[in-house]
Structures are given as structure tokens and as C-alpha cells.
Amino acid sequence: MAALLLVALAAGGWLWWQSRTWRPERTDYPVQGALIGERDGVVDFGALDAAGADFVYLEASAGDNGRDAQFSRNLEALAGKDMPYGAVHEYDPCVPAERQSANFVTIVPRDARMLPPVIALGKLPSACGNPAIEAGLESELTTFINQVENHTGQPVVLLVPSAFEAKYGISRRIERNLWLTRDWFQPDYAGRPWTLWTANAHLHSALAAEPLRWVVVQP
């Protein structure tokens, strides 16, 4: 029994370590990068590049007045570097599209060199406590998408967590490239292919104060 317990503990320790350090194989996913925001503190993008990040997405805005405290600093740090980067807006279904787009266009520059903008759908409309908001989700989100695309000149990518997709099936209702999330295993909950995948949201690294969110591109 003692020997079995030691084996189980060793296996558990190995799995724990793997979960902290695992990244998909480059042979399977040649292009890999990271999602960076205020939670990561001050990031050395040169070191991130050396560690294998081919691109980076920066958390920029949220709702109608949320702004990532590191976004401007991160933009400045990336100026003149070869690393491609893009901006992420955390969509708040409780807030009208016009107010959210005003926040986004104020902080995110109109720059054709940037990667396609990302709209993250983390907050469920059911949390707003208003059935009309749930009923009008597709219409209001489409309005916001159009406003962001008009500003950036590029089609958006929808970052859709599994809980949001399960409740609203948004990937089947709005035809845009998808960014899905699932640690260590390919996500299949959207019912169609993804473009970006957060493969490990807990990648430990000396590059940031918090675990990195490691993202890969569909080959």
C-alpha cells in the first residue's frame, strides 16, 4: 500500500508539473503566442519572444469604461519590435454597444498593422437580470462587431468560452473566426473549427508575475 501511495504521489506530481509547463508541440502548431493583460504585470516582450511567442494579444478595454492599466505601456513596449500584436475587448452584454465601442475606439489605435481585434464573451447575459438583454444578444453584439470592424478595418475574432457557447450557441449565430479555450485538449464545443486556442491558461514562466495564457493558431 505504501508503495502504491508513493507511485500515485509521484504520478500526481508529474501531472501537476506538466500542467504548469505544457505547450503544444511546434510540429503540430507552428505559430504560438500569449494573451497578456494587467494581471501579468510588466512583461519583457523581448524575453517573451525568446521564449517562443510569435505574437501577443493585449487586453485593452472592457464594457463602457474598463481599461487595462498596462495596455498603453504594452503598446509602447511593442513599438518597433517585430512581434505582431492585437487588442482584446471584454464584452459586457449589460451595456449598450455604442457605449462599449466608444471605449474601445478611444483606447485602441486604428492601425492596419495590428492583428484582428478580439471580442471576449466572458460575461453571460443572464447575469444582467433583464430577459430583454438575453433576447437581444445577437442584435446588440452584431452592432458592436460592426462598430469595431469599422474602426479597425478588419473582421473581429470572437473569444467564446464553453459556458457562453453552451447557453447561447453564438458561434452558430454569428459567422466570425473563433478563439476557444480548453486546457491541454483541443476544444470542440463550438461545432465548427477554431482559429485560436488557449491551450494552457496556467503556463508558469519567469516572464510574468502570474501564469501565462498560452495561445496557438490553427495550422
C-alpha atoms as a PDB file:
ATOM      1  CA  MET A   1       0.000   0.000   0.000  1.00  0.00           C
ATOM      2  CA  ALA A   2       2.832   2.370   0.861  1.00  0.00           C
ATOM      3  CA  ALA A   3       4.491   1.654  -2.483  1.00  0.00           C
ATOM      4  CA  LEU A   4       1.240   2.280  -4.359  1.00  0.00           C
ATOM      5  CA  LEU A   5       0.769   5.527  -2.478  1.00  0.00           C
ATOM      6  CA  LEU A   6       4.266   6.667  -3.429  1.00  0.00           C
ATOM      7  CA  VAL A   7       3.608   5.810  -7.084  1.00  0.00           C
ATOM      8  CA  ALA A   8       0.321   7.752  -7.003  1.00  0.00           C
ATOM      9  CA  LEU A   9       2.001  10.755  -5.412  1.00  0.00           C
ATOM     10  CA  ALA A  10       4.807  10.668  -7.956  1.00  0.00           C
ATOM     11  CA  ALA A  11       2.325  10.449 -10.837  1.00  0.00           C
ATOM     12  CA  GLY A  12       0.290  13.297  -9.387  1.00  0.00           C
ATOM     13  CA  GLY A  13       3.412  15.417  -9.028  1.00  0.00           C
ATOM     14  CA  TRP A  14       4.400  14.711 -12.626  1.00  0.00           C
ATOM     15  CA  LEU A  15       0.944  15.654 -13.903  1.00  0.00           C
ATOM     16  CA  TRP A  16       0.998  18.829 -11.810  1.00  0.00           C
ATOM     17  CA  TRP A  17       4.361  19.812 -13.254  1.00  0.00           C
ATOM     18  CA  GLN A  18       3.242  19.011 -16.795  1.00  0.00           C
ATOM     19  CA  SER A  19       0.145  21.174 -16.370  1.00  0.00           C
ATOM     20  CA  ARG A  20       2.342  24.104 -15.343  1.00  0.00           C
ATOM     21  CA  THR A  21       4.805  23.807 -18.217  1.00  0.00           C
ATOM     22  CA  TRP A  22       2.923  22.135 -21.094  1.00  0.00           C
ATOM     23  CA  ARG A  23       2.736  23.737 -24.524  1.00  0.00           C
ATOM     24  CA  PRO A  24       1.523  22.086 -27.732  1.00  0.00           C
ATOM     25  CA  GLU A  25       4.221  20.693 -29.991  1.00  0.00           C
ATOM     26  CA  ARG A  26       5.558  23.107 -32.600  1.00  0.00           C
ATOM     27  CA  THR A  27       5.283  20.394 -35.204  1.00  0.00           C
ATOM     28  CA  ASP A  28       1.524  20.404 -34.661  1.00  0.00           C
ATOM     29  CA  TYR A  29       1.071  24.145 -34.064  1.00  0.00           C
ATOM     30  CA  PRO A  30       3.937  26.169 -35.577  1.00  0.00           C
ATOM     31  CA  VAL A  31       2.523  29.566 -34.561  1.00  0.00           C
ATOM     32  CA  GLN A  32       2.121  30.159 -30.822  1.00  0.00           C
ATOM     33  CA  GLY A  33       1.729  33.211 -28.613  1.00  0.00           C
ATOM     34  CA  ALA A  34       0.227  34.632 -25.443  1.00  0.00           C
ATOM     35  CA  LEU A  35      -2.644  36.687 -24.073  1.00  0.00           C
ATOM     36  CA  ILE A  36      -1.271  39.479 -21.881  1.00  0.00           C
ATOM     37  CA  GLY A  37      -3.001  41.924 -19.561  1.00  0.00           C
ATOM     38  CA  GLU A  38      -2.809  43.865 -16.323  1.00  0.00           C
ATOM     39  CA  ARG A  39      -2.740  40.650 -14.282  1.00  0.00           C
ATOM     40  CA  ASP A  40       0.637  39.780 -15.854  1.00  0.00           C
ATOM     41  CA  GLY A  41       2.355  42.918 -14.591  1.00  0.00           C
ATOM     42  CA  VAL A  42       5.256  44.385 -16.548  1.00  0.00           C
ATOM     43  CA  VAL A  43       6.183  41.948 -19.327  1.00  0.00           C
ATOM     44  CA  ASP A  44       9.521  41.825 -21.116  1.00  0.00           C
ATOM     45  CA  PHE A  45       8.391  41.250 -24.700  1.00  0.00           C
ATOM     46  CA  GLY A  46      11.924  40.577 -25.890  1.00  0.00           C
ATOM     47  CA  ALA A  47      12.160  37.745 -23.387  1.00  0.00           C
ATOM     48  CA  LEU A  48       8.672  36.565 -24.375  1.00  0.00           C
ATOM     49  CA  ASP A  49       9.819  36.425 -27.987  1.00  0.00           C
ATOM     50  CA  ALA A  50      12.912  34.459 -26.992  1.00  0.00           C
ATOM     51  CA  ALA A  51      10.699  32.058 -25.024  1.00  0.00           C
ATOM     52  CA  GLY A  52       8.793  31.165 -28.191  1.00  0.00           C
ATOM     53  CA  ALA A  53       5.913  33.644 -28.510  1.00  0.00           C
ATOM     54  CA  ASP A  54       5.338  34.522 -32.170  1.00  0.00           C
ATOM     55  CA  PHE A  55       2.552  37.012 -31.390  1.00  0.00           C
ATOM     56  CA  VAL A  56       0.744  38.555 -28.456  1.00  0.00           C
ATOM     57  CA  TYR A  57      -2.788  39.729 -27.783  1.00  0.00           C
ATOM     58  CA  LEU A  58      -3.201  42.568 -25.286  1.00  0.00           C
ATOM     59  CA  GLU A  59      -6.224  43.038 -23.071  1.00  0.00           C
ATOM     60  CA  ALA A  60      -7.306  46.600 -23.826  1.00  0.00           C
ATOM     61  CA  SER A  61     -10.844  47.549 -22.807  1.00  0.00           C
ATOM     62  CA  ALA A  62     -13.912  46.203 -21.052  1.00  0.00           C
ATOM     63  CA  GLY A  63     -17.517  47.346 -21.167  1.00  0.00           C
ATOM     64  CA  ASP A  64     -18.025  51.092 -21.446  1.00  0.00           C
ATOM     65  CA  ASN A  65     -15.310  52.331 -19.096  1.00  0.00           C
ATOM     66  CA  GLY A  66     -12.910  49.499 -18.227  1.00  0.00           C
ATOM     67  CA  ARG A  67      -9.342  49.938 -19.435  1.00  0.00           C
ATOM     68  CA  ASP A  68      -6.397  47.651 -18.841  1.00  0.00           C
ATOM     69  CA  ALA A  69      -3.824  49.556 -16.797  1.00  0.00           C
ATOM     70  CA  GLN A  70      -0.934  48.023 -18.766  1.00  0.00           C
ATOM     71  CA  PHE A  71      -2.331  48.439 -22.287  1.00  0.00           C
ATOM     72  CA  SER A  72      -0.694  51.776 -23.148  1.00  0.00           C
ATOM     73  CA  ARG A  73       2.592  50.657 -21.638  1.00  0.00           C
ATOM     74  CA  ASN A  74       2.428  47.375 -23.567  1.00  0.00           C
ATOM     75  CA  LEU A  75       1.765  49.225 -26.833  1.00  0.00           C
ATOM     76  CA  GLU A  76       4.813  51.410 -26.238  1.00  0.00           C
ATOM     77  CA  ALA A  77       6.950  48.386 -25.354  1.00  0.00           C
ATOM     78  CA  LEU A  78       5.964  46.671 -28.608  1.00  0.00           C
ATOM     79  CA  ALA A  79       6.643  49.711 -30.789  1.00  0.00           C
ATOM     80  CA  GLY A  80       9.468  48.969 -33.183  1.00  0.00           C
ATOM     81  CA  LYS A  81       9.509  45.245 -32.393  1.00  0.00           C
ATOM     82  CA  ASP A  82       8.755  42.550 -34.938  1.00  0.00           C
ATOM     83  CA  MET A  83       6.229  40.753 -32.724  1.00  0.00           C
ATOM     84  CA  PRO A  84       2.666  41.008 -34.145  1.00  0.00           C
ATOM     85  CA  TYR A  85       0.055  42.126 -31.625  1.00  0.00           C
ATOM     86  CA  GLY A  86      -3.659  42.754 -31.335  1.00  0.00           C
ATOM     87  CA  ALA A  87      -6.219  44.092 -28.860  1.00  0.00           C
ATOM     88  CA  VAL A  88      -8.940  42.355 -26.846  1.00  0.00           C
ATOM     89  CA  HIS A  89     -12.195  43.902 -25.626  1.00  0.00           C
ATOM     90  CA  GLU A  90     -14.131  42.212 -22.820  1.00  0.00           C
ATOM     91  CA  TYR A  91     -17.758  42.497 -23.941  1.00  0.00           C
ATOM     92  CA  ASP A  92     -20.372  43.372 -21.314  1.00  0.00           C
ATOM     93  CA  PRO A  93     -23.843  42.340 -22.521  1.00  0.00           C
ATOM     94  CA  CYS A  94     -25.438  44.591 -19.892  1.00  0.00           C
ATOM     95  CA  VAL A  95     -24.023  47.735 -21.570  1.00  0.00           C
ATOM     96  CA  PRO A  96     -25.250  49.170 -24.914  1.00  0.00           C
ATOM     97  CA  ALA A  97     -22.992  48.562 -27.898  1.00  0.00           C
ATOM     98  CA  GLU A  98     -22.463  52.270 -28.655  1.00  0.00           C
ATOM     99  CA  ARG A  99     -21.009  52.960 -25.218  1.00  0.00           C
ATOM    100  CA  GLN A 100     -18.671  49.989 -25.452  1.00  0.00           C
ATOM    101  CA  SER A 101     -17.440  50.886 -28.915  1.00  0.00           C
ATOM    102  CA  ALA A 102     -16.758  54.448 -27.730  1.00  0.00           C
ATOM    103  CA  ASN A 103     -14.494  52.997 -25.052  1.00  0.00           C
ATOM    104  CA  PHE A 104     -12.746  50.659 -27.493  1.00  0.00           C
ATOM    105  CA  VAL A 105     -12.028  53.219 -30.225  1.00  0.00           C
ATOM    106  CA  THR A 106     -10.702  55.698 -27.663  1.00  0.00           C
ATOM    107  CA  ILE A 107      -8.011  53.366 -26.361  1.00  0.00           C
ATOM    108  CA  VAL A 108      -7.234  51.096 -29.336  1.00  0.00           C
ATOM    109  CA  PRO A 109      -5.497  52.869 -32.240  1.00  0.00           C
ATOM    110  CA  ARG A 110      -6.597  52.483 -35.835  1.00  0.00           C
ATOM    111  CA  ASP A 111      -3.543  50.634 -37.115  1.00  0.00           C
ATOM    112  CA  ALA A 112      -3.654  48.266 -40.090  1.00  0.00           C
ATOM    113  CA  ARG A 113      -0.521  46.520 -38.815  1.00  0.00           C
ATOM    114  CA  MET A 114      -2.337  45.161 -35.776  1.00  0.00           C
ATOM    115  CA  LEU A 115      -3.817  41.681 -35.670  1.00  0.00           C
ATOM    116  CA  PRO A 116      -7.613  41.327 -35.996  1.00  0.00           C
ATOM    117  CA  PRO A 117      -9.415  42.650 -32.899  1.00  0.00           C
ATOM    118  CA  VAL A 118     -10.856  40.160 -30.433  1.00  0.00           C
ATOM    119  CA  ILE A 119     -14.178  40.384 -28.595  1.00  0.00           C
ATOM    120  CA  ALA A 120     -14.138  38.240 -25.455  1.00  0.00           C
ATOM    121  CA  LEU A 121     -17.548  36.918 -24.405  1.00  0.00           C
ATOM    122  CA  GLY A 122     -16.919  36.038 -20.786  1.00  0.00           C
ATOM    123  CA  LYS A 123     -19.919  37.579 -19.047  1.00  0.00           C
ATOM    124  CA  LEU A 124     -23.243  35.800 -19.521  1.00  0.00           C
ATOM    125  CA  PRO A 125     -26.248  37.975 -20.468  1.00  0.00           C
ATOM    126  CA  SER A 126     -28.254  36.111 -17.845  1.00  0.00           C
ATOM    127  CA  ALA A 127     -26.195  37.978 -15.225  1.00  0.00           C
ATOM    128  CA  CYS A 128     -27.801  41.260 -16.315  1.00  0.00           C
ATOM    129  CA  GLY A 129     -31.144  40.280 -14.792  1.00  0.00           C
ATOM    130  CA  ASN A 130     -33.088  41.509 -17.815  1.00  0.00           C
ATOM    131  CA  PRO A 131     -34.706  38.972 -20.204  1.00  0.00           C
ATOM    132  CA  ALA A 132     -34.768  41.614 -22.954  1.00  0.00           C
ATOM    133  CA  ILE A 133     -30.970  41.722 -22.940  1.00  0.00           C
ATOM    134  CA  GLU A 134     -30.772  37.965 -23.464  1.00  0.00           C
ATOM    135  CA  ALA A 135     -33.338  38.143 -26.257  1.00  0.00           C
ATOM    136  CA  GLY A 136     -31.439  40.950 -27.981  1.00  0.00           C
ATOM    137  CA  LEU A 137     -27.955  39.478 -27.553  1.00  0.00           C
ATOM    138  CA  GLU A 138     -27.291  38.697 -31.213  1.00  0.00           C
ATOM    139  CA  SER A 139     -28.559  42.065 -32.443  1.00  0.00           C
ATOM    140  CA  GLU A 140     -26.621  44.126 -29.897  1.00  0.00           C
ATOM    141  CA  LEU A 141     -23.440  42.099 -30.290  1.00  0.00           C
ATOM    142  CA  THR A 142     -23.667  42.428 -34.077  1.00  0.00           C
ATOM    143  CA  THR A 143     -23.934  46.203 -33.698  1.00  0.00           C
ATOM    144  CA  PHE A 144     -20.801  46.236 -31.566  1.00  0.00           C
ATOM    145  CA  ILE A 145     -18.966  43.971 -34.022  1.00  0.00           C
ATOM    146  CA  ASN A 146     -19.800  46.312 -36.906  1.00  0.00           C
ATOM    147  CA  GLN A 147     -18.578  49.351 -34.980  1.00  0.00           C
ATOM    148  CA  VAL A 148     -15.284  47.674 -34.049  1.00  0.00           C
ATOM    149  CA  GLU A 149     -14.748  46.453 -37.607  1.00  0.00           C
ATOM    150  CA  ASN A 150     -15.432  49.924 -38.971  1.00  0.00           C
ATOM    151  CA  HIS A 151     -12.755  51.300 -36.664  1.00  0.00           C
ATOM    152  CA  THR A 152     -10.095  48.671 -37.278  1.00  0.00           C
ATOM    153  CA  GLY A 153     -10.840  47.754 -40.890  1.00  0.00           C
ATOM    154  CA  GLN A 154     -10.626  44.047 -40.024  1.00  0.00           C
ATOM    155  CA  PRO A 155     -13.130  41.314 -39.136  1.00  0.00           C
ATOM    156  CA  VAL A 156     -13.200  40.524 -35.440  1.00  0.00           C
ATOM    157  CA  VAL A 157     -12.410  37.234 -33.734  1.00  0.00           C
ATOM    158  CA  LEU A 158     -14.882  36.014 -31.110  1.00  0.00           C
ATOM    159  CA  LEU A 159     -13.342  34.580 -27.934  1.00  0.00           C
ATOM    160  CA  VAL A 160     -16.102  32.236 -26.789  1.00  0.00           C
ATOM    161  CA  PRO A 161     -15.764  30.231 -23.541  1.00  0.00           C
ATOM    162  CA  SER A 162     -17.576  26.910 -23.332  1.00  0.00           C
ATOM    163  CA  ALA A 163     -20.180  28.173 -20.823  1.00  0.00           C
ATOM    164  CA  PHE A 164     -21.194  31.031 -23.110  1.00  0.00           C
ATOM    165  CA  GLU A 165     -21.411  28.761 -26.141  1.00  0.00           C
ATOM    166  CA  ALA A 166     -23.422  26.135 -24.283  1.00  0.00           C
ATOM    167  CA  LYS A 167     -26.035  28.695 -23.234  1.00  0.00           C
ATOM    168  CA  TYR A 168     -26.282  30.878 -26.339  1.00  0.00           C
ATOM    169  CA  GLY A 169     -24.741  28.959 -29.276  1.00  0.00           C
ATOM    170  CA  ILE A 170     -23.235  32.190 -30.521  1.00  0.00           C
ATOM    171  CA  SER A 171     -20.698  30.530 -32.833  1.00  0.00           C
ATOM    172  CA  ARG A 172     -23.571  29.192 -34.936  1.00  0.00           C
ATOM    173  CA  ARG A 173     -25.406  32.510 -34.946  1.00  0.00           C
ATOM    174  CA  ILE A 174     -22.568  34.876 -35.862  1.00  0.00           C
ATOM    175  CA  GLU A 175     -20.090  33.876 -38.549  1.00  0.00           C
ATOM    176  CA  ARG A 176     -16.674  35.064 -37.385  1.00  0.00           C
ATOM    177  CA  ASN A 177     -13.399  33.345 -36.624  1.00  0.00           C
ATOM    178  CA  LEU A 178     -13.371  31.720 -33.199  1.00  0.00           C
ATOM    179  CA  TRP A 179     -10.988  31.719 -30.264  1.00  0.00           C
ATOM    180  CA  LEU A 180     -11.807  28.807 -27.971  1.00  0.00           C
ATOM    181  CA  THR A 181     -10.437  27.796 -24.581  1.00  0.00           C
ATOM    182  CA  ARG A 182      -9.646  24.412 -23.055  1.00  0.00           C
ATOM    183  CA  ASP A 183      -6.562  23.438 -21.118  1.00  0.00           C
ATOM    184  CA  TRP A 184      -4.409  20.719 -22.722  1.00  0.00           C
ATOM    185  CA  PHE A 185      -7.071  19.263 -25.028  1.00  0.00           C
ATOM    186  CA  GLN A 186      -8.357  20.621 -28.329  1.00  0.00           C
ATOM    187  CA  PRO A 187     -11.738  22.332 -27.847  1.00  0.00           C
ATOM    188  CA  ASP A 188     -14.645  21.074 -29.934  1.00  0.00           C
ATOM    189  CA  TYR A 189     -17.622  22.705 -28.231  1.00  0.00           C
ATOM    190  CA  ALA A 190     -18.323  25.296 -30.933  1.00  0.00           C
ATOM    191  CA  GLY A 191     -19.404  22.824 -33.588  1.00  0.00           C
ATOM    192  CA  ARG A 192     -17.043  24.319 -36.165  1.00  0.00           C
ATOM    193  CA  PRO A 193     -13.273  24.841 -36.490  1.00  0.00           C
ATOM    194  CA  TRP A 194     -11.469  27.350 -34.310  1.00  0.00           C
ATOM    195  CA  THR A 195      -8.764  29.816 -35.363  1.00  0.00           C
ATOM    196  CA  LEU A 196      -7.153  30.463 -31.962  1.00  0.00           C
ATOM    197  CA  TRP A 197      -6.985  28.183 -28.938  1.00  0.00           C
ATOM    198  CA  THR A 198      -5.955  28.981 -25.377  1.00  0.00           C
ATOM    199  CA  ALA A 199      -4.170  25.681 -24.891  1.00  0.00           C
ATOM    200  CA  ASN A 200      -2.832  26.329 -21.392  1.00  0.00           C
ATOM    201  CA  ALA A 201      -4.157  29.144 -19.232  1.00  0.00           C
ATOM    202  CA  HIS A 202      -1.756  28.240 -16.420  1.00  0.00           C
ATOM    203  CA  LEU A 203       1.668  28.234 -18.083  1.00  0.00           C
ATOM    204  CA  HIS A 204       4.197  29.097 -15.407  1.00  0.00           C
ATOM    205  CA  SER A 205       7.092  31.240 -16.529  1.00  0.00           C
ATOM    206  CA  ALA A 206       9.627  33.656 -15.110  1.00  0.00           C
ATOM    207  CA  LEU A 207       8.414  36.184 -17.672  1.00  0.00           C
ATOM    208  CA  ALA A 208       5.307  37.285 -15.749  1.00  0.00           C
ATOM    209  CA  ALA A 209       4.014  37.502 -12.198  1.00  0.00           C
ATOM    210  CA  GLU A 210       1.017  35.288 -12.992  1.00  0.00           C
ATOM    211  CA  PRO A 211       0.750  32.112 -15.103  1.00  0.00           C
ATOM    212  CA  LEU A 212       0.711  32.952 -18.799  1.00  0.00           C
ATOM    213  CA  ARG A 213      -2.261  32.214 -21.004  1.00  0.00           C
ATOM    214  CA  TRP A 214      -0.657  30.358 -23.907  1.00  0.00           C
ATOM    215  CA  VAL A 215      -2.423  30.523 -27.264  1.00  0.00           C
ATOM    216  CA  VAL A 216      -1.891  28.656 -30.531  1.00  0.00           C
ATOM    217  CA  VAL A 217      -3.087  29.247 -34.097  1.00  0.00           C
ATOM    218  CA  GLN A 218      -4.849  26.619 -36.167  1.00  0.00           C
ATOM    219  CA  PRO A 219      -2.315  25.442 -38.793  1.00  0.00           C
END
